[in-house]
Every structure is written in C-alpha cells, then in structure tokens.
PDB file of N, CA and C in Angstrom:
ATOM      1  N   MET A   1     -44.540 -47.513 -18.880  1.00  0.00           N
ATOM      2  CA  MET A   1     -43.754 -47.343 -17.698  1.00  0.00           C
ATOM      3  C   MET A   1     -43.288 -45.885 -17.617  1.00  0.00           C
ATOM      4  N   MET A   2     -43.508 -45.255 -16.471  1.00  0.00           N
ATOM      5  CA  MET A   2     -43.122 -43.856 -16.285  1.00  0.00           C
ATOM      6  C   MET A   2     -41.707 -43.779 -15.732  1.00  0.00           C
ATOM      7  N   LYS A   3     -40.990 -42.907 -16.296  1.00  0.00           N
ATOM      8  CA  LYS A   3     -39.626 -42.692 -15.810  1.00  0.00           C
ATOM      9  C   LYS A   3     -39.638 -41.566 -14.785  1.00  0.00           C
ATOM     10  N   ASP A   4     -38.935 -41.810 -13.715  1.00  0.00           N
ATOM     11  CA  ASP A   4     -38.796 -40.754 -12.718  1.00  0.00           C
ATOM     12  C   ASP A   4     -37.733 -39.774 -13.183  1.00  0.00           C
ATOM     13  N   LYS A   5     -38.145 -38.560 -13.301  1.00  0.00           N
ATOM     14  CA  LYS A   5     -37.186 -37.522 -13.662  1.00  0.00           C
ATOM     15  C   LYS A   5     -36.932 -36.674 -12.425  1.00  0.00           C
ATOM     16  N   LYS A   6     -35.706 -36.664 -12.038  1.00  0.00           N
ATOM     17  CA  LYS A   6     -35.346 -35.860 -10.878  1.00  0.00           C
ATOM     18  C   LYS A   6     -35.107 -34.430 -11.329  1.00  0.00           C
ATOM     19  N   LYS A   7     -35.742 -33.530 -10.630  1.00  0.00           N
ATOM     20  CA  LYS A   7     -35.517 -32.118 -10.921  1.00  0.00           C
ATOM     21  C   LYS A   7     -34.259 -31.676 -10.191  1.00  0.00           C
ATOM     22  N   LYS A   8     -33.401 -31.065 -10.935  1.00  0.00           N
ATOM     23  CA  LYS A   8     -32.189 -30.541 -10.321  1.00  0.00           C
ATOM     24  C   LYS A   8     -32.490 -29.162  -9.753  1.00  0.00           C
ATOM     25  N   SER A   9     -32.055 -28.965  -8.564  1.00  0.00           N
ATOM     26  CA  SER A   9     -32.247 -27.679  -7.916  1.00  0.00           C
ATOM     27  C   SER A   9     -31.409 -26.624  -8.630  1.00  0.00           C
ATOM     28  N   LYS A  10     -32.017 -25.471  -8.826  1.00  0.00           N
ATOM     29  CA  LYS A  10     -31.283 -24.381  -9.467  1.00  0.00           C
ATOM     30  C   LYS A  10     -30.489 -23.583  -8.442  1.00  0.00           C
ATOM     31  N   THR A  11     -30.739 -23.864  -7.165  1.00  0.00           N
ATOM     32  CA  THR A  11     -29.994 -23.190  -6.122  1.00  0.00           C
ATOM     33  C   THR A  11     -28.628 -23.840  -6.011  1.00  0.00           C
ATOM     34  N   ARG A  12     -27.621 -23.038  -6.148  1.00  0.00           N
ATOM     35  CA  ARG A  12     -26.261 -23.557  -6.041  1.00  0.00           C
ATOM     36  C   ARG A  12     -25.663 -23.101  -4.723  1.00  0.00           C
ATOM     37  N   PHE A  13     -25.073 -24.034  -4.059  1.00  0.00           N
ATOM     38  CA  PHE A  13     -24.433 -23.726  -2.798  1.00  0.00           C
ATOM     39  C   PHE A  13     -22.931 -23.666  -2.999  1.00  0.00           C
ATOM     40  N   LYS A  14     -22.349 -22.622  -2.485  1.00  0.00           N
ATOM     41  CA  LYS A  14     -20.898 -22.493  -2.550  1.00  0.00           C
ATOM     42  C   LYS A  14     -20.328 -23.371  -1.439  1.00  0.00           C
ATOM     43  N   PRO A  15     -19.438 -24.282  -1.794  1.00  0.00           N
ATOM     44  CA  PRO A  15     -18.860 -25.115  -0.745  1.00  0.00           C
ATOM     45  C   PRO A  15     -18.042 -24.271   0.233  1.00  0.00           C
ATOM     46  N   LEU A  16     -18.099 -24.643   1.488  1.00  0.00           N
ATOM     47  CA  LEU A  16     -17.355 -23.922   2.508  1.00  0.00           C
ATOM     48  C   LEU A  16     -15.894 -24.345   2.497  1.00  0.00           C
ATOM     49  N   SER A  17     -15.039 -23.385   2.776  1.00  0.00           N
ATOM     50  CA  SER A  17     -13.631 -23.724   2.963  1.00  0.00           C
ATOM     51  C   SER A  17     -13.527 -24.435   4.314  1.00  0.00           C
ATOM     52  N   PRO A  18     -12.444 -25.152   4.551  1.00  0.00           N
ATOM     53  CA  PRO A  18     -12.307 -25.823   5.851  1.00  0.00           C
ATOM     54  C   PRO A  18     -12.429 -24.860   7.034  1.00  0.00           C
ATOM     55  N   ILE A  19     -11.839 -23.679   6.912  1.00  0.00           N
ATOM     56  CA  ILE A  19     -11.896 -22.724   8.020  1.00  0.00           C
ATOM     57  C   ILE A  19     -13.325 -22.218   8.219  1.00  0.00           C
ATOM     58  N   GLU A  20     -14.066 -22.022   7.110  1.00  0.00           N
ATOM     59  CA  GLU A  20     -15.465 -21.597   7.218  1.00  0.00           C
ATOM     60  C   GLU A  20     -16.309 -22.687   7.866  1.00  0.00           C
ATOM     61  N   ALA A  21     -16.032 -23.939   7.531  1.00  0.00           N
ATOM     62  CA  ALA A  21     -16.773 -25.063   8.109  1.00  0.00           C
ATOM     63  C   ALA A  21     -16.525 -25.154   9.614  1.00  0.00           C
ATOM     64  N   VAL A  22     -15.273 -24.974  10.024  1.00  0.00           N
ATOM     65  CA  VAL A  22     -14.947 -25.005  11.454  1.00  0.00           C
ATOM     66  C   VAL A  22     -15.657 -23.865  12.172  1.00  0.00           C
ATOM     67  N   HIS A  23     -15.633 -22.678  11.574  1.00  0.00           N
ATOM     68  CA  HIS A  23     -16.282 -21.524  12.204  1.00  0.00           C
ATOM     69  C   HIS A  23     -17.786 -21.740  12.309  1.00  0.00           C
ATOM     70  N   GLU A  24     -18.385 -22.275  11.260  1.00  0.00           N
ATOM     71  CA  GLU A  24     -19.825 -22.542  11.278  1.00  0.00           C
ATOM     72  C   GLU A  24     -20.171 -23.561  12.370  1.00  0.00           C
ATOM     73  N   SER A  25     -19.338 -24.574  12.525  1.00  0.00           N
ATOM     74  CA  SER A  25     -19.552 -25.575  13.582  1.00  0.00           C
ATOM     75  C   SER A  25     -19.437 -24.934  14.961  1.00  0.00           C
ATOM     76  N   ALA A  26     -18.430 -24.082  15.137  1.00  0.00           N
ATOM     77  CA  ALA A  26     -18.254 -23.392  16.418  1.00  0.00           C
ATOM     78  C   ALA A  26     -19.456 -22.503  16.713  1.00  0.00           C
ATOM     79  N   LYS A  27     -19.966 -21.833  15.688  1.00  0.00           N
ATOM     80  CA  LYS A  27     -21.146 -20.970  15.864  1.00  0.00           C
ATOM     81  C   LYS A  27     -22.339 -21.798  16.316  1.00  0.00           C
ATOM     82  N   GLY A  28     -22.502 -22.981  15.719  1.00  0.00           N
ATOM     83  CA  GLY A  28     -23.586 -23.871  16.135  1.00  0.00           C
ATOM     84  C   GLY A  28     -23.436 -24.303  17.583  1.00  0.00           C
ATOM     85  N   LEU A  29     -22.209 -24.608  17.990  1.00  0.00           N
ATOM     86  CA  LEU A  29     -21.953 -24.986  19.386  1.00  0.00           C
ATOM     87  C   LEU A  29     -22.225 -23.819  20.329  1.00  0.00           C
ATOM     88  N   TYR A  30     -21.860 -22.621  19.909  1.00  0.00           N
ATOM     89  CA  TYR A  30     -22.122 -21.429  20.714  1.00  0.00           C
ATOM     90  C   TYR A  30     -23.630 -21.206  20.848  1.00  0.00           C
ATOM     91  N   ASP A  31     -24.341 -21.290  19.718  1.00  0.00           N
ATOM     92  CA  ASP A  31     -25.794 -21.103  19.736  1.00  0.00           C
ATOM     93  C   ASP A  31     -26.487 -22.135  20.623  1.00  0.00           C
ATOM     94  N   ALA A  32     -25.912 -23.341  20.700  1.00  0.00           N
ATOM     95  CA  ALA A  32     -26.487 -24.409  21.522  1.00  0.00           C
ATOM     96  C   ALA A  32     -26.053 -24.305  22.985  1.00  0.00           C
ATOM     97  N   GLY A  33     -25.177 -23.353  23.282  1.00  0.00           N
ATOM     98  CA  GLY A  33     -24.734 -23.163  24.657  1.00  0.00           C
ATOM     99  C   GLY A  33     -23.612 -24.097  25.085  1.00  0.00           C
ATOM    100  N   VAL A  34     -22.999 -24.775  24.135  1.00  0.00           N
ATOM    101  CA  VAL A  34     -21.929 -25.718  24.451  1.00  0.00           C
ATOM    102  C   VAL A  34     -20.596 -25.003  24.684  1.00  0.00           C
ATOM    103  N   ILE A  35     -20.353 -23.918  23.949  1.00  0.00           N
ATOM    104  CA  ILE A  35     -19.139 -23.129  24.180  1.00  0.00           C
ATOM    105  C   ILE A  35     -19.537 -21.716  24.592  1.00  0.00           C
ATOM    106  N   ASP A  36     -18.667 -21.066  25.352  1.00  0.00           N
ATOM    107  CA  ASP A  36     -18.986 -19.730  25.857  1.00  0.00           C
ATOM    108  C   ASP A  36     -18.546 -18.633  24.881  1.00  0.00           C
ATOM    109  N   ALA A  37     -18.894 -17.402  25.224  1.00  0.00           N
ATOM    110  CA  ALA A  37     -18.611 -16.257  24.348  1.00  0.00           C
ATOM    111  C   ALA A  37     -17.110 -16.059  24.146  1.00  0.00           C
ATOM    112  N   THR A  38     -16.319 -16.276  25.186  1.00  0.00           N
ATOM    113  CA  THR A  38     -14.869 -16.107  25.058  1.00  0.00           C
ATOM    114  C   THR A  38     -14.305 -17.068  24.025  1.00  0.00           C
ATOM    115  N   THR A  39     -14.721 -18.322  24.096  1.00  0.00           N
ATOM    116  CA  THR A  39     -14.254 -19.321  23.134  1.00  0.00           C
ATOM    117  C   THR A  39     -14.716 -18.960  21.728  1.00  0.00           C
ATOM    118  N   MET A  40     -15.963 -18.478  21.602  1.00  0.00           N
ATOM    119  CA  MET A  40     -16.479 -18.092  20.285  1.00  0.00           C
ATOM    120  C   MET A  40     -15.671 -16.934  19.725  1.00  0.00           C
ATOM    121  N   HIS A  41     -15.307 -15.973  20.573  1.00  0.00           N
ATOM    122  CA  HIS A  41     -14.488 -14.843  20.113  1.00  0.00           C
ATOM    123  C   HIS A  41     -13.120 -15.321  19.634  1.00  0.00           C
ATOM    124  N   GLU A  42     -12.583 -16.340  20.297  1.00  0.00           N
ATOM    125  CA  GLU A  42     -11.302 -16.900  19.863  1.00  0.00           C
ATOM    126  C   GLU A  42     -11.438 -17.540  18.478  1.00  0.00           C
ATOM    127  N   PHE A  43     -12.555 -18.252  18.256  1.00  0.00           N
ATOM    128  CA  PHE A  43     -12.800 -18.827  16.924  1.00  0.00           C
ATOM    129  C   PHE A  43     -12.956 -17.717  15.890  1.00  0.00           C
ATOM    130  N   ASP A  44     -13.672 -16.649  16.251  1.00  0.00           N
ATOM    131  CA  ASP A  44     -13.838 -15.520  15.327  1.00  0.00           C
ATOM    132  C   ASP A  44     -12.477 -14.969  14.908  1.00  0.00           C
ATOM    133  N   ALA A  45     -11.597 -14.763  15.882  1.00  0.00           N
ATOM    134  CA  ALA A  45     -10.274 -14.199  15.595  1.00  0.00           C
ATOM    135  C   ALA A  45      -9.441 -15.143  14.732  1.00  0.00           C
ATOM    136  N   LEU A  46      -9.514 -16.440  15.004  1.00  0.00           N
ATOM    137  CA  LEU A  46      -8.749 -17.418  14.227  1.00  0.00           C
ATOM    138  C   LEU A  46      -9.228 -17.518  12.785  1.00  0.00           C
ATOM    139  N   CYS A  47     -10.495 -17.216  12.569  1.00  0.00           N
ATOM    140  CA  CYS A  47     -11.089 -17.415  11.248  1.00  0.00           C
ATOM    141  C   CYS A  47     -11.108 -16.155  10.390  1.00  0.00           C
ATOM    142  N   LEU A  48     -10.486 -15.085  10.866  1.00  0.00           N
ATOM    143  CA  LEU A  48     -10.421 -13.868  10.056  1.00  0.00           C
ATOM    144  C   LEU A  48      -9.651 -14.138   8.770  1.00  0.00           C
ATOM    145  N   THR A  49     -10.111 -13.502   7.706  1.00  0.00           N
ATOM    146  CA  THR A  49      -9.418 -13.632   6.429  1.00  0.00           C
ATOM    147  C   THR A  49      -8.049 -12.974   6.539  1.00  0.00           C
ATOM    148  N   PRO A  50      -6.993 -13.678   6.167  1.00  0.00           N
ATOM    149  CA  PRO A  50      -5.663 -13.072   6.262  1.00  0.00           C
ATOM    150  C   PRO A  50      -5.513 -11.895   5.295  1.00  0.00           C
ATOM    151  N   VAL A  51      -4.752 -10.913   5.726  1.00  0.00           N
ATOM    152  CA  VAL A  51      -4.481  -9.741   4.889  1.00  0.00           C
ATOM    153  C   VAL A  51      -3.141  -9.982   4.209  1.00  0.00           C
ATOM    154  N   ARG A  52      -3.157  -9.952   2.881  1.00  0.00           N
ATOM    155  CA  ARG A  52      -1.911 -10.195   2.156  1.00  0.00           C
ATOM    156  C   ARG A  52      -1.373  -8.889   1.596  1.00  0.00           C
ATOM    157  N   GLU A  53      -0.062  -8.843   1.485  1.00  0.00           N
ATOM    158  CA  GLU A  53       0.601  -7.687   0.890  1.00  0.00           C
ATOM    159  C   GLU A  53       0.216  -7.613  -0.588  1.00  0.00           C
ATOM    160  N   LEU A  54       0.125  -6.400  -1.111  1.00  0.00           N
ATOM    161  CA  LEU A  54      -0.220  -6.197  -2.518  1.00  0.00           C
ATOM    162  C   LEU A  54       0.895  -5.425  -3.211  1.00  0.00           C
ATOM    163  N   SER A  55       1.251  -5.869  -4.392  1.00  0.00           N
ATOM    164  CA  SER A  55       2.275  -5.172  -5.172  1.00  0.00           C
ATOM    165  C   SER A  55       1.646  -3.944  -5.830  1.00  0.00           C
ATOM    166  N   PRO A  56       2.470  -2.996  -6.269  1.00  0.00           N
ATOM    167  CA  PRO A  56       1.935  -1.837  -6.992  1.00  0.00           C
ATOM    168  C   PRO A  56       1.078  -2.260  -8.191  1.00  0.00           C
ATOM    169  N   ARG A  57       1.517  -3.270  -8.910  1.00  0.00           N
ATOM    170  CA  ARG A  57       0.767  -3.763 -10.075  1.00  0.00           C
ATOM    171  C   ARG A  57      -0.608  -4.304  -9.654  1.00  0.00           C
ATOM    172  N   GLU A  58      -0.655  -5.019  -8.525  1.00  0.00           N
ATOM    173  CA  GLU A  58      -1.931  -5.561  -8.044  1.00  0.00           C
ATOM    174  C   GLU A  58      -2.887  -4.449  -7.630  1.00  0.00           C
ATOM    175  N   ILE A  59      -2.362  -3.416  -6.991  1.00  0.00           N
ATOM    176  CA  ILE A  59      -3.209  -2.296  -6.568  1.00  0.00           C
ATOM    177  C   ILE A  59      -3.815  -1.616  -7.791  1.00  0.00           C
ATOM    178  N   LYS A  60      -3.006  -1.386  -8.799  1.00  0.00           N
ATOM    179  CA  LYS A  60      -3.509  -0.766 -10.032  1.00  0.00           C
ATOM    180  C   LYS A  60      -4.528  -1.680 -10.710  1.00  0.00           C
ATOM    181  N   ARG A  61      -4.260  -2.998 -10.717  1.00  0.00           N
ATOM    182  CA  ARG A  61      -5.190  -3.958 -11.322  1.00  0.00           C
ATOM    183  C   ARG A  61      -6.549  -3.911 -10.617  1.00  0.00           C
ATOM    184  N   ILE A  62      -6.533  -3.822  -9.301  1.00  0.00           N
ATOM    185  CA  ILE A  62      -7.784  -3.754  -8.534  1.00  0.00           C
ATOM    186  C   ILE A  62      -8.568  -2.515  -8.942  1.00  0.00           C
ATOM    187  N   ARG A  63      -7.880  -1.364  -8.990  1.00  0.00           N
ATOM    188  CA  ARG A  63      -8.555  -0.103  -9.347  1.00  0.00           C
ATOM    189  C   ARG A  63      -9.118  -0.159 -10.758  1.00  0.00           C
ATOM    190  N   ILE A  64      -8.332  -0.646 -11.697  1.00  0.00           N
ATOM    191  CA  ILE A  64      -8.780  -0.716 -13.094  1.00  0.00           C
ATOM    192  C   ILE A  64      -9.939  -1.702 -13.232  1.00  0.00           C
ATOM    193  N   HIS A  65      -9.870  -2.808 -12.511  1.00  0.00           N
ATOM    194  CA  HIS A  65     -10.964  -3.789 -12.543  1.00  0.00           C
ATOM    195  C   HIS A  65     -12.270  -3.160 -12.065  1.00  0.00           C
ATOM    196  N   GLU A  66     -12.171  -2.244 -11.106  1.00  0.00           N
ATOM    197  CA  GLU A  66     -13.356  -1.558 -10.582  1.00  0.00           C
ATOM    198  C   GLU A  66     -13.788  -0.389 -11.470  1.00  0.00           C
ATOM    199  N   LYS A  67     -12.986  -0.097 -12.500  1.00  0.00           N
ATOM    200  CA  LYS A  67     -13.303   0.948 -13.485  1.00  0.00           C
ATOM    201  C   LYS A  67     -13.481   2.324 -12.841  1.00  0.00           C
ATOM    202  N   VAL A  68     -12.527   2.669 -11.969  1.00  0.00           N
ATOM    203  CA  VAL A  68     -12.567   3.986 -11.336  1.00  0.00           C
ATOM    204  C   VAL A  68     -11.216   4.674 -11.493  1.00  0.00           C
ATOM    205  N   SER A  69     -11.261   5.995 -11.424  1.00  0.00           N
ATOM    206  CA  SER A  69     -10.036   6.790 -11.487  1.00  0.00           C
ATOM    207  C   SER A  69      -9.315   6.708 -10.140  1.00  0.00           C
ATOM    208  N   GLN A  70      -8.088   7.212 -10.133  1.00  0.00           N
ATOM    209  CA  GLN A  70      -7.353   7.259  -8.869  1.00  0.00           C
ATOM    210  C   GLN A  70      -8.082   8.137  -7.858  1.00  0.00           C
ATOM    211  N   ALA A  71      -8.690   9.214  -8.332  1.00  0.00           N
ATOM    212  CA  ALA A  71      -9.404  10.123  -7.430  1.00  0.00           C
ATOM    213  C   ALA A  71     -10.604   9.435  -6.780  1.00  0.00           C
ATOM    214  N   VAL A  72     -11.370   8.715  -7.574  1.00  0.00           N
ATOM    215  CA  VAL A  72     -12.546   8.013  -7.037  1.00  0.00           C
ATOM    216  C   VAL A  72     -12.099   6.895  -6.095  1.00  0.00           C
ATOM    217  N   PHE A  73     -11.077   6.156  -6.496  1.00  0.00           N
ATOM    218  CA  PHE A  73     -10.543   5.072  -5.670  1.00  0.00           C
ATOM    219  C   PHE A  73     -10.091   5.626  -4.313  1.00  0.00           C
ATOM    220  N   ALA A  74      -9.405   6.774  -4.344  1.00  0.00           N
ATOM    221  CA  ALA A  74      -8.935   7.412  -3.113  1.00  0.00           C
ATOM    222  C   ALA A  74     -10.105   7.772  -2.199  1.00  0.00           C
ATOM    223  N   LYS A  75     -11.192   8.275  -2.773  1.00  0.00           N
ATOM    224  CA  LYS A  75     -12.377   8.627  -1.971  1.00  0.00           C
ATOM    225  C   LYS A  75     -12.933   7.399  -1.264  1.00  0.00           C
ATOM    226  N   TYR A  76     -13.084   6.300  -2.004  1.00  0.00           N
ATOM    227  CA  TYR A  76     -13.594   5.063  -1.407  1.00  0.00           C
ATOM    228  C   TYR A  76     -12.704   4.594  -0.256  1.00  0.00           C
ATOM    229  N   LEU A  77     -11.389   4.740  -0.424  1.00  0.00           N
ATOM    230  CA  LEU A  77     -10.439   4.245   0.572  1.00  0.00           C
ATOM    231  C   LEU A  77     -10.125   5.277   1.652  1.00  0.00           C
ATOM    232  N   ASN A  78     -10.761   6.457   1.558  1.00  0.00           N
ATOM    233  CA  ASN A  78     -10.563   7.535   2.519  1.00  0.00           C
ATOM    234  C   ASN A  78      -9.081   7.915   2.638  1.00  0.00           C
ATOM    235  N   THR A  79      -8.482   8.089   1.479  1.00  0.00           N
ATOM    236  CA  THR A  79      -7.078   8.501   1.425  1.00  0.00           C
ATOM    237  C   THR A  79      -6.918   9.538   0.319  1.00  0.00           C
ATOM    238  N   SER A  80      -5.723  10.013   0.114  1.00  0.00           N
ATOM    239  CA  SER A  80      -5.500  11.039  -0.910  1.00  0.00           C
ATOM    240  C   SER A  80      -5.161  10.407  -2.262  1.00  0.00           C
ATOM    241  N   VAL A  81      -5.380  11.187  -3.315  1.00  0.00           N
ATOM    242  CA  VAL A  81      -5.019  10.752  -4.662  1.00  0.00           C
ATOM    243  C   VAL A  81      -3.507  10.525  -4.716  1.00  0.00           C
ATOM    244  N   SER A  82      -2.761  11.377  -4.056  1.00  0.00           N
ATOM    245  CA  SER A  82      -1.306  11.248  -4.019  1.00  0.00           C
ATOM    246  C   SER A  82      -0.886   9.894  -3.433  1.00  0.00           C
ATOM    247  N   THR A  83      -1.564   9.465  -2.397  1.00  0.00           N
ATOM    248  CA  THR A  83      -1.237   8.174  -1.777  1.00  0.00           C
ATOM    249  C   THR A  83      -1.511   7.026  -2.736  1.00  0.00           C
ATOM    250  N   VAL A  84      -2.653   7.063  -3.423  1.00  0.00           N
ATOM    251  CA  VAL A  84      -2.978   6.009  -4.395  1.00  0.00           C
ATOM    252  C   VAL A  84      -1.913   5.975  -5.488  1.00  0.00           C
ATOM    253  N   LYS A  85      -1.525   7.152  -5.982  1.00  0.00           N
ATOM    254  CA  LYS A  85      -0.476   7.218  -7.015  1.00  0.00           C
ATOM    255  C   LYS A  85       0.821   6.595  -6.505  1.00  0.00           C
ATOM    256  N   GLN A  86       1.196   6.939  -5.288  1.00  0.00           N
ATOM    257  CA  GLN A  86       2.437   6.407  -4.715  1.00  0.00           C
ATOM    258  C   GLN A  86       2.365   4.890  -4.522  1.00  0.00           C
ATOM    259  N   TRP A  87       1.199   4.367  -4.133  1.00  0.00           N
ATOM    260  CA  TRP A  87       1.031   2.910  -4.022  1.00  0.00           C
ATOM    261  C   TRP A  87       1.246   2.253  -5.380  1.00  0.00           C
ATOM    262  N   GLU A  88       0.632   2.843  -6.407  1.00  0.00           N
ATOM    263  CA  GLU A  88       0.701   2.250  -7.747  1.00  0.00           C
ATOM    264  C   GLU A  88       2.099   2.357  -8.359  1.00  0.00           C
ATOM    265  N   LEU A  89       2.877   3.319  -7.910  1.00  0.00           N
ATOM    266  CA  LEU A  89       4.251   3.475  -8.397  1.00  0.00           C
ATOM    267  C   LEU A  89       5.262   2.735  -7.521  1.00  0.00           C
ATOM    268  N   GLY A  90       4.805   2.215  -6.408  1.00  0.00           N
ATOM    269  CA  GLY A  90       5.700   1.501  -5.498  1.00  0.00           C
ATOM    270  C   GLY A  90       6.519   2.411  -4.598  1.00  0.00           C
ATOM    271  N   GLU A  91       6.153   3.694  -4.551  1.00  0.00           N
ATOM    272  CA  GLU A  91       6.875   4.646  -3.705  1.00  0.00           C
ATOM    273  C   GLU A  91       6.451   4.541  -2.245  1.00  0.00           C
ATOM    274  N   LYS A  92       5.235   4.078  -2.024  1.00  0.00           N
ATOM    275  CA  LYS A  92       4.687   3.840  -0.690  1.00  0.00           C
ATOM    276  C   LYS A  92       3.985   2.495  -0.727  1.00  0.00           C
ATOM    277  N   HIS A  93       3.779   1.916   0.441  1.00  0.00           N
ATOM    278  CA  HIS A  93       3.077   0.638   0.523  1.00  0.00           C
ATOM    279  C   HIS A  93       1.928   0.765   1.515  1.00  0.00           C
ATOM    280  N   PRO A  94       0.733   0.323   1.135  1.00  0.00           N
ATOM    281  CA  PRO A  94      -0.390   0.404   2.068  1.00  0.00           C
ATOM    282  C   PRO A  94      -0.143  -0.489   3.282  1.00  0.00           C
ATOM    283  N   ARG A  95      -0.600  -0.017   4.430  1.00  0.00           N
ATOM    284  CA  ARG A  95      -0.473  -0.780   5.671  1.00  0.00           C
ATOM    285  C   ARG A  95      -1.785  -0.688   6.434  1.00  0.00           C
ATOM    286  N   GLY A  96      -1.922  -1.487   7.446  1.00  0.00           N
ATOM    287  CA  GLY A  96      -3.046  -1.402   8.368  1.00  0.00           C
ATOM    288  C   GLY A  96      -4.398  -1.437   7.682  1.00  0.00           C
ATOM    289  N   THR A  97      -5.215  -0.457   8.041  1.00  0.00           N
ATOM    290  CA  THR A  97      -6.586  -0.393   7.536  1.00  0.00           C
ATOM    291  C   THR A  97      -6.633  -0.268   6.023  1.00  0.00           C
ATOM    292  N   SER A  98      -5.731   0.506   5.450  1.00  0.00           N
ATOM    293  CA  SER A  98      -5.716   0.672   3.990  1.00  0.00           C
ATOM    294  C   SER A  98      -5.476  -0.659   3.288  1.00  0.00           C
ATOM    295  N   LEU A  99      -4.544  -1.430   3.805  1.00  0.00           N
ATOM    296  CA  LEU A  99      -4.246  -2.731   3.211  1.00  0.00           C
ATOM    297  C   LEU A  99      -5.432  -3.683   3.373  1.00  0.00           C
ATOM    298  N   LYS A 100      -6.075  -3.638   4.522  1.00  0.00           N
ATOM    299  CA  LYS A 100      -7.261  -4.471   4.771  1.00  0.00           C
ATOM    300  C   LYS A 100      -8.372  -4.096   3.784  1.00  0.00           C
ATOM    301  N   LEU A 101      -8.604  -2.793   3.584  1.00  0.00           N
ATOM    302  CA  LEU A 101      -9.632  -2.347   2.642  1.00  0.00           C
ATOM    303  C   LEU A 101      -9.303  -2.770   1.211  1.00  0.00           C
ATOM    304  N   LEU A 102      -8.050  -2.639   0.816  1.00  0.00           N
ATOM    305  CA  LEU A 102      -7.649  -3.058  -0.534  1.00  0.00           C
ATOM    306  C   LEU A 102      -7.882  -4.557  -0.733  1.00  0.00           C
ATOM    307  N   ASN A 103      -7.569  -5.362   0.271  1.00  0.00           N
ATOM    308  CA  ASN A 103      -7.824  -6.802   0.195  1.00  0.00           C
ATOM    309  C   ASN A 103      -9.319  -7.073   0.068  1.00  0.00           C
ATOM    310  N   LEU A 104     -10.124  -6.334   0.815  1.00  0.00           N
ATOM    311  CA  LEU A 104     -11.577  -6.499   0.762  1.00  0.00           C
ATOM    312  C   LEU A 104     -12.116  -6.127  -0.618  1.00  0.00           C
ATOM    313  N   VAL A 105     -11.656  -5.008  -1.169  1.00  0.00           N
ATOM    314  CA  VAL A 105     -12.083  -4.589  -2.511  1.00  0.00           C
ATOM    315  C   VAL A 105     -11.645  -5.622  -3.545  1.00  0.00           C
ATOM    316  N   ASP A 106     -10.468  -6.177  -3.375  1.00  0.00           N
ATOM    317  CA  ASP A 106      -9.983  -7.198  -4.304  1.00  0.00           C
ATOM    318  C   ASP A 106     -10.899  -8.420  -4.290  1.00  0.00           C
ATOM    319  N   ARG A 107     -11.352  -8.826  -3.115  1.00  0.00           N
ATOM    320  CA  ARG A 107     -12.207 -10.019  -3.004  1.00  0.00           C
ATOM    321  C   ARG A 107     -13.669  -9.751  -3.337  1.00  0.00           C
ATOM    322  N   LYS A 108     -14.195  -8.598  -2.887  1.00  0.00           N
ATOM    323  CA  LYS A 108     -15.642  -8.374  -2.950  1.00  0.00           C
ATOM    324  C   LYS A 108     -16.079  -7.208  -3.823  1.00  0.00           C
ATOM    325  N   GLY A 109     -15.131  -6.389  -4.271  1.00  0.00           N
ATOM    326  CA  GLY A 109     -15.489  -5.231  -5.087  1.00  0.00           C
ATOM    327  C   GLY A 109     -15.718  -3.986  -4.244  1.00  0.00           C
ATOM    328  N   LEU A 110     -15.766  -2.845  -4.913  1.00  0.00           N
ATOM    329  CA  LEU A 110     -15.947  -1.566  -4.212  1.00  0.00           C
ATOM    330  C   LEU A 110     -17.263  -1.483  -3.454  1.00  0.00           C
ATOM    331  N   GLN A 111     -18.293  -2.184  -3.949  1.00  0.00           N
ATOM    332  CA  GLN A 111     -19.588  -2.122  -3.272  1.00  0.00           C
ATOM    333  C   GLN A 111     -19.484  -2.613  -1.830  1.00  0.00           C
ATOM    334  N   ALA A 112     -18.469  -3.411  -1.517  1.00  0.00           N
ATOM    335  CA  ALA A 112     -18.290  -3.924  -0.156  1.00  0.00           C
ATOM    336  C   ALA A 112     -17.920  -2.821   0.829  1.00  0.00           C
ATOM    337  N   ILE A 113     -17.369  -1.719   0.337  1.00  0.00           N
ATOM    338  CA  ILE A 113     -16.979  -0.631   1.239  1.00  0.00           C
ATOM    339  C   ILE A 113     -17.739   0.659   0.944  1.00  0.00           C
ATOM    340  N   ALA A 114     -18.711   0.591   0.059  1.00  0.00           N
ATOM    341  CA  ALA A 114     -19.476   1.792  -0.315  1.00  0.00           C
ATOM    342  C   ALA A 114     -20.455   2.184   0.778  1.00  0.00           C
TER     343      ALA A 114
END
C-alpha cells in the first residue's frame, strides 16, 4: 500500500493585517470597476501606515541597528549631523517628513530610502 505524502510548499505567505486585507479587497473592487477612483483614494489614505513618535533612545537604536555613523545616517535622511545628534540627545524631535522616514527605516531598513 502506497502512502500519499503531501509535499509542503516552501513558499511562505505573510498573513495580511486586517487593514491590508481591507485595502486589497478595495483594490480588487476598483480593478473590477465596482468602486471609483475617488473611493479608492479614500481607502488608500485610510490604510496609510501610522507615523509614531520616536524617543531619542529609539532613534539611536535604529541608527545602531543599521550600523551607520551619525554622519551617514544624516545623509540618508537628508539632514545635518547636528540634527541627528540633537534627536538622539532629546534636544530636538523629528517631525513631518523626517519622522516618516525614521519610521520607514525602523520598519524596512535603510535600503528602503536608499
């Protein structure tokens, strides 16, 4: 008697978060012509990754994790070395685009903005 051996797929799928699943469904509806571009843009805006505040310790941790100096980190973020130092000391706090970039580097690494 032969035993059926099921081959397990080596491809691993990352499960979608609920917000990613909703966005993917909306994209399918848009592609099918069920929802219009305005509605799709509203879904896009709702599904943006939130930008969280980062403490000086977290900013330094991100830089050290990426194994770069303050000077190199500043170049990637299009800011000055002085600003990076001030962020890490808590003398200044990143805002706007800088904070968004730091969040992106934290999630995806420096290669995401290279």
